[in-house]
Amino acid sequence: MRERPAGRSALKRVAEVSDIAGVVAFPSSPDSRWITGRHLGATGGAALGVNLL
């Protein structure tokens, strides 16, 4: 069941909980201090070349 979604990802795997947790935590971390008003897509590369906005 996980093979088909994994095939759509540039990373060739489905996300693990820790992958998504990092994306969720990043905007509140000091490392994001220069990022303002952006959409951070956690697609694993499945949307490469696609305008998500």
PDB file of N, CA and C in Angstrom:
ATOM      1  N   MET A   1       0.812  -1.182   0.000  1.00  0.00           N
ATOM      2  CA  MET A   1       0.000   0.000   0.000  1.00  0.00           C
ATOM      3  C   MET A   1       0.867   1.262   0.000  1.00  0.00           C
ATOM      4  N   ARG A   2       2.062   1.211   0.528  1.00  0.00           N
ATOM      5  CA  ARG A   2       2.934   2.380   0.596  1.00  0.00           C
ATOM      6  C   ARG A   2       3.775   2.561  -0.660  1.00  0.00           C
ATOM      7  N   GLU A   3       3.800   1.564  -1.543  1.00  0.00           N
ATOM      8  CA  GLU A   3       4.653   1.628  -2.725  1.00  0.00           C
ATOM      9  C   GLU A   3       4.191   2.707  -3.707  1.00  0.00           C
ATOM     10  N   ARG A   4       2.889   2.806  -3.946  1.00  0.00           N
ATOM     11  CA  ARG A   4       2.392   3.776  -4.919  1.00  0.00           C
ATOM     12  C   ARG A   4       2.676   5.216  -4.491  1.00  0.00           C
ATOM     13  N   PRO A   5       2.343   5.628  -3.262  1.00  0.00           N
ATOM     14  CA  PRO A   5       2.708   6.991  -2.861  1.00  0.00           C
ATOM     15  C   PRO A   5       4.218   7.218  -2.881  1.00  0.00           C
ATOM     16  N   ALA A   6       4.990   6.217  -2.519  1.00  0.00           N
ATOM     17  CA  ALA A   6       6.441   6.356  -2.517  1.00  0.00           C
ATOM     18  C   ALA A   6       6.964   6.610  -3.922  1.00  0.00           C
ATOM     19  N   GLY A   7       6.338   6.011  -4.919  1.00  0.00           N
ATOM     20  CA  GLY A   7       6.756   6.198  -6.299  1.00  0.00           C
ATOM     21  C   GLY A   7       6.538   7.608  -6.815  1.00  0.00           C
ATOM     22  N   ARG A   8       5.643   8.356  -6.205  1.00  0.00           N
ATOM     23  CA  ARG A   8       5.385   9.744  -6.613  1.00  0.00           C
ATOM     24  C   ARG A   8       6.351  10.729  -5.982  1.00  0.00           C
ATOM     25  N   SER A   9       7.085  10.305  -5.009  1.00  0.00           N
ATOM     26  CA  SER A   9       7.984  11.168  -4.268  1.00  0.00           C
ATOM     27  C   SER A   9       9.382  11.151  -4.881  1.00  0.00           C
ATOM     28  N   ALA A  10      10.005  12.320  -4.949  1.00  0.00           N
ATOM     29  CA  ALA A  10      11.392  12.385  -5.427  1.00  0.00           C
ATOM     30  C   ALA A  10      12.323  11.619  -4.486  1.00  0.00           C
ATOM     31  N   LEU A  11      11.912  11.476  -3.244  1.00  0.00           N
ATOM     32  CA  LEU A  11      12.718  10.755  -2.255  1.00  0.00           C
ATOM     33  C   LEU A  11      12.476   9.250  -2.295  1.00  0.00           C
ATOM     34  N   LYS A  12      11.472   8.818  -3.088  1.00  0.00           N
ATOM     35  CA  LYS A  12      11.137   7.396  -3.276  1.00  0.00           C
ATOM     36  C   LYS A  12      10.780   6.686  -1.982  1.00  0.00           C
ATOM     37  N   ARG A  13      10.134   7.418  -1.074  1.00  0.00           N
ATOM     38  CA  ARG A  13       9.634   6.821   0.163  1.00  0.00           C
ATOM     39  C   ARG A  13       8.526   7.709   0.707  1.00  0.00           C
ATOM     40  N   VAL A  14       7.686   7.143   1.537  1.00  0.00           N
ATOM     41  CA  VAL A  14       6.654   7.942   2.187  1.00  0.00           C
ATOM     42  C   VAL A  14       7.250   8.580   3.440  1.00  0.00           C
ATOM     43  N   ALA A  15       6.616   9.644   3.888  1.00  0.00           N
ATOM     44  CA  ALA A  15       7.131  10.374   5.047  1.00  0.00           C
ATOM     45  C   ALA A  15       6.996   9.561   6.325  1.00  0.00           C
ATOM     46  N   GLU A  16       7.965   9.726   7.177  1.00  0.00           N
ATOM     47  CA  GLU A  16       7.912   9.185   8.533  1.00  0.00           C
ATOM     48  C   GLU A  16       7.436  10.317   9.450  1.00  0.00           C
ATOM     49  N   VAL A  17       7.001   9.961  10.634  1.00  0.00           N
ATOM     50  CA  VAL A  17       6.530  10.960  11.593  1.00  0.00           C
ATOM     51  C   VAL A  17       7.599  12.016  11.838  1.00  0.00           C
ATOM     52  N   SER A  18       8.837  11.617  11.948  1.00  0.00           N
ATOM     53  CA  SER A  18       9.922  12.577  12.219  1.00  0.00           C
ATOM     54  C   SER A  18      10.131  13.542  11.056  1.00  0.00           C
ATOM     55  N   ASP A  19       9.842  13.124   9.824  1.00  0.00           N
ATOM     56  CA  ASP A  19       9.954  14.023   8.673  1.00  0.00           C
ATOM     57  C   ASP A  19       8.955  15.167   8.798  1.00  0.00           C
ATOM     58  N   ILE A  20       7.721  14.845   9.102  1.00  0.00           N
ATOM     59  CA  ILE A  20       6.674  15.858   9.218  1.00  0.00           C
ATOM     60  C   ILE A  20       6.882  16.705  10.471  1.00  0.00           C
ATOM     61  N   ALA A  21       7.308  16.084  11.555  1.00  0.00           N
ATOM     62  CA  ALA A  21       7.543  16.818  12.802  1.00  0.00           C
ATOM     63  C   ALA A  21       8.582  17.916  12.596  1.00  0.00           C
ATOM     64  N   GLY A  22       9.605  17.635  11.821  1.00  0.00           N
ATOM     65  CA  GLY A  22      10.624  18.651  11.549  1.00  0.00           C
ATOM     66  C   GLY A  22      10.076  19.836  10.779  1.00  0.00           C
ATOM     67  N   VAL A  23       9.191  19.562   9.825  1.00  0.00           N
ATOM     68  CA  VAL A  23       8.572  20.635   9.042  1.00  0.00           C
ATOM     69  C   VAL A  23       7.665  21.479   9.922  1.00  0.00           C
ATOM     70  N   VAL A  24       6.941  20.846  10.816  1.00  0.00           N
ATOM     71  CA  VAL A  24       6.040  21.562  11.714  1.00  0.00           C
ATOM     72  C   VAL A  24       6.830  22.402  12.716  1.00  0.00           C
ATOM     73  N   ALA A  25       7.913  21.888  13.228  1.00  0.00           N
ATOM     74  CA  ALA A  25       8.703  22.593  14.238  1.00  0.00           C
ATOM     75  C   ALA A  25       9.547  23.724  13.654  1.00  0.00           C
ATOM     76  N   PHE A  26       9.959  23.597  12.416  1.00  0.00           N
ATOM     77  CA  PHE A  26      10.873  24.569  11.817  1.00  0.00           C
ATOM     78  C   PHE A  26      10.405  26.020  11.888  1.00  0.00           C
ATOM     79  N   PRO A  27       9.145  26.351  11.541  1.00  0.00           N
ATOM     80  CA  PRO A  27       8.746  27.770  11.549  1.00  0.00           C
ATOM     81  C   PRO A  27       8.869  28.455  12.912  1.00  0.00           C
ATOM     82  N   SER A  28       8.828  27.702  13.989  1.00  0.00           N
ATOM     83  CA  SER A  28       8.963  28.313  15.311  1.00  0.00           C
ATOM     84  C   SER A  28      10.395  28.279  15.833  1.00  0.00           C
ATOM     85  N   SER A  29      11.315  27.812  15.016  1.00  0.00           N
ATOM     86  CA  SER A  29      12.707  27.738  15.454  1.00  0.00           C
ATOM     87  C   SER A  29      13.474  28.992  15.029  1.00  0.00           C
ATOM     88  N   PRO A  30      14.577  29.267  15.683  1.00  0.00           N
ATOM     89  CA  PRO A  30      15.406  30.424  15.301  1.00  0.00           C
ATOM     90  C   PRO A  30      15.935  30.324  13.861  1.00  0.00           C
ATOM     91  N   ASP A  31      16.044  29.125  13.320  1.00  0.00           N
ATOM     92  CA  ASP A  31      16.548  28.956  11.954  1.00  0.00           C
ATOM     93  C   ASP A  31      15.622  29.562  10.902  1.00  0.00           C
ATOM     94  N   SER A  32      14.372  29.802  11.256  1.00  0.00           N
ATOM     95  CA  SER A  32      13.417  30.339  10.276  1.00  0.00           C
ATOM     96  C   SER A  32      13.264  31.852  10.360  1.00  0.00           C
ATOM     97  N   ARG A  33      14.124  32.515  11.084  1.00  0.00           N
ATOM     98  CA  ARG A  33      13.952  33.948  11.355  1.00  0.00           C
ATOM     99  C   ARG A  33      13.901  34.821  10.098  1.00  0.00           C
ATOM    100  N   TRP A  34      14.434  34.386   8.975  1.00  0.00           N
ATOM    101  CA  TRP A  34      14.402  35.192   7.745  1.00  0.00           C
ATOM    102  C   TRP A  34      13.326  34.743   6.768  1.00  0.00           C
ATOM    103  N   ILE A  35      12.510  33.810   7.155  1.00  0.00           N
ATOM    104  CA  ILE A  35      11.423  33.350   6.300  1.00  0.00           C
ATOM    105  C   ILE A  35      10.128  34.007   6.764  1.00  0.00           C
ATOM    106  N   THR A  36       9.473  34.696   5.854  1.00  0.00           N
ATOM    107  CA  THR A  36       8.213  35.351   6.192  1.00  0.00           C
ATOM    108  C   THR A  36       7.172  35.051   5.128  1.00  0.00           C
ATOM    109  N   GLY A  37       5.985  34.701   5.565  1.00  0.00           N
ATOM    110  CA  GLY A  37       4.849  34.537   4.670  1.00  0.00           C
ATOM    111  C   GLY A  37       4.998  33.518   3.562  1.00  0.00           C
ATOM    112  N   ARG A  38       5.586  32.399   3.836  1.00  0.00           N
ATOM    113  CA  ARG A  38       5.777  31.362   2.813  1.00  0.00           C
ATOM    114  C   ARG A  38       4.981  30.118   3.153  1.00  0.00           C
ATOM    115  N   HIS A  39       4.634  29.383   2.100  1.00  0.00           N
ATOM    116  CA  HIS A  39       3.996  28.075   2.242  1.00  0.00           C
ATOM    117  C   HIS A  39       5.111  27.035   2.208  1.00  0.00           C
ATOM    118  N   LEU A  40       5.209  26.233   3.234  1.00  0.00           N
ATOM    119  CA  LEU A  40       6.211  25.172   3.272  1.00  0.00           C
ATOM    120  C   LEU A  40       5.502  23.850   3.010  1.00  0.00           C
ATOM    121  N   GLY A  41       5.659  23.342   1.821  1.00  0.00           N
ATOM    122  CA  GLY A  41       5.009  22.081   1.464  1.00  0.00           C
ATOM    123  C   GLY A  41       5.858  20.889   1.863  1.00  0.00           C
ATOM    124  N   ALA A  42       5.255  19.953   2.538  1.00  0.00           N
ATOM    125  CA  ALA A  42       5.954  18.722   2.933  1.00  0.00           C
ATOM    126  C   ALA A  42       5.506  17.606   1.993  1.00  0.00           C
ATOM    127  N   THR A  43       5.978  17.665   0.749  1.00  0.00           N
ATOM    128  CA  THR A  43       5.531  16.715  -0.265  1.00  0.00           C
ATOM    129  C   THR A  43       6.564  15.639  -0.589  1.00  0.00           C
ATOM    130  N   GLY A  44       7.741  15.744  -0.028  1.00  0.00           N
ATOM    131  CA  GLY A  44       8.780  14.767  -0.346  1.00  0.00           C
ATOM    132  C   GLY A  44       9.241  14.855  -1.790  1.00  0.00           C
ATOM    133  N   GLY A  45       8.952  15.993  -2.419  1.00  0.00           N
ATOM    134  CA  GLY A  45       9.346  16.202  -3.813  1.00  0.00           C
ATOM    135  C   GLY A  45       8.285  15.785  -4.812  1.00  0.00           C
ATOM    136  N   ALA A  46       7.120  15.327  -4.341  1.00  0.00           N
ATOM    137  CA  ALA A  46       6.062  14.894  -5.262  1.00  0.00           C
ATOM    138  C   ALA A  46       5.521  16.050  -6.082  1.00  0.00           C
ATOM    139  N   ALA A  47       5.710  17.275  -5.627  1.00  0.00           N
ATOM    140  CA  ALA A  47       5.182  18.440  -6.329  1.00  0.00           C
ATOM    141  C   ALA A  47       6.286  19.269  -7.014  1.00  0.00           C
ATOM    142  N   LEU A  48       7.432  18.663  -7.269  1.00  0.00           N
ATOM    143  CA  LEU A  48       8.520  19.393  -7.934  1.00  0.00           C
ATOM    144  C   LEU A  48       8.046  19.924  -9.274  1.00  0.00           C
ATOM    145  N   GLY A  49       8.281  21.199  -9.525  1.00  0.00           N
ATOM    146  CA  GLY A  49       7.890  21.796 -10.789  1.00  0.00           C
ATOM    147  C   GLY A  49       6.424  22.189 -10.852  1.00  0.00           C
ATOM    148  N   VAL A  50       5.697  22.019  -9.750  1.00  0.00           N
ATOM    149  CA  VAL A  50       4.271  22.369  -9.710  1.00  0.00           C
ATOM    150  C   VAL A  50       4.130  23.603  -8.828  1.00  0.00           C
ATOM    151  N   ASN A  51       3.456  24.627  -9.329  1.00  0.00           N
ATOM    152  CA  ASN A  51       3.225  25.814  -8.536  1.00  0.00           C
ATOM    153  C   ASN A  51       2.087  25.535  -7.574  1.00  0.00           C
ATOM    154  N   LEU A  52       2.382  25.493  -6.275  1.00  0.00           N
ATOM    155  CA  LEU A  52       1.377  25.164  -5.264  1.00  0.00           C
ATOM    156  C   LEU A  52       0.561  26.376  -4.831  1.00  0.00           C
ATOM    157  N   LEU A  53       0.919  27.557  -5.281  1.00  0.00           N
ATOM    158  CA  LEU A  53       0.188  28.759  -4.870  1.00  0.00           C
ATOM    159  C   LEU A  53      -0.829  29.158  -5.886  1.00  0.00           C
TER     160      LEU A  53
END
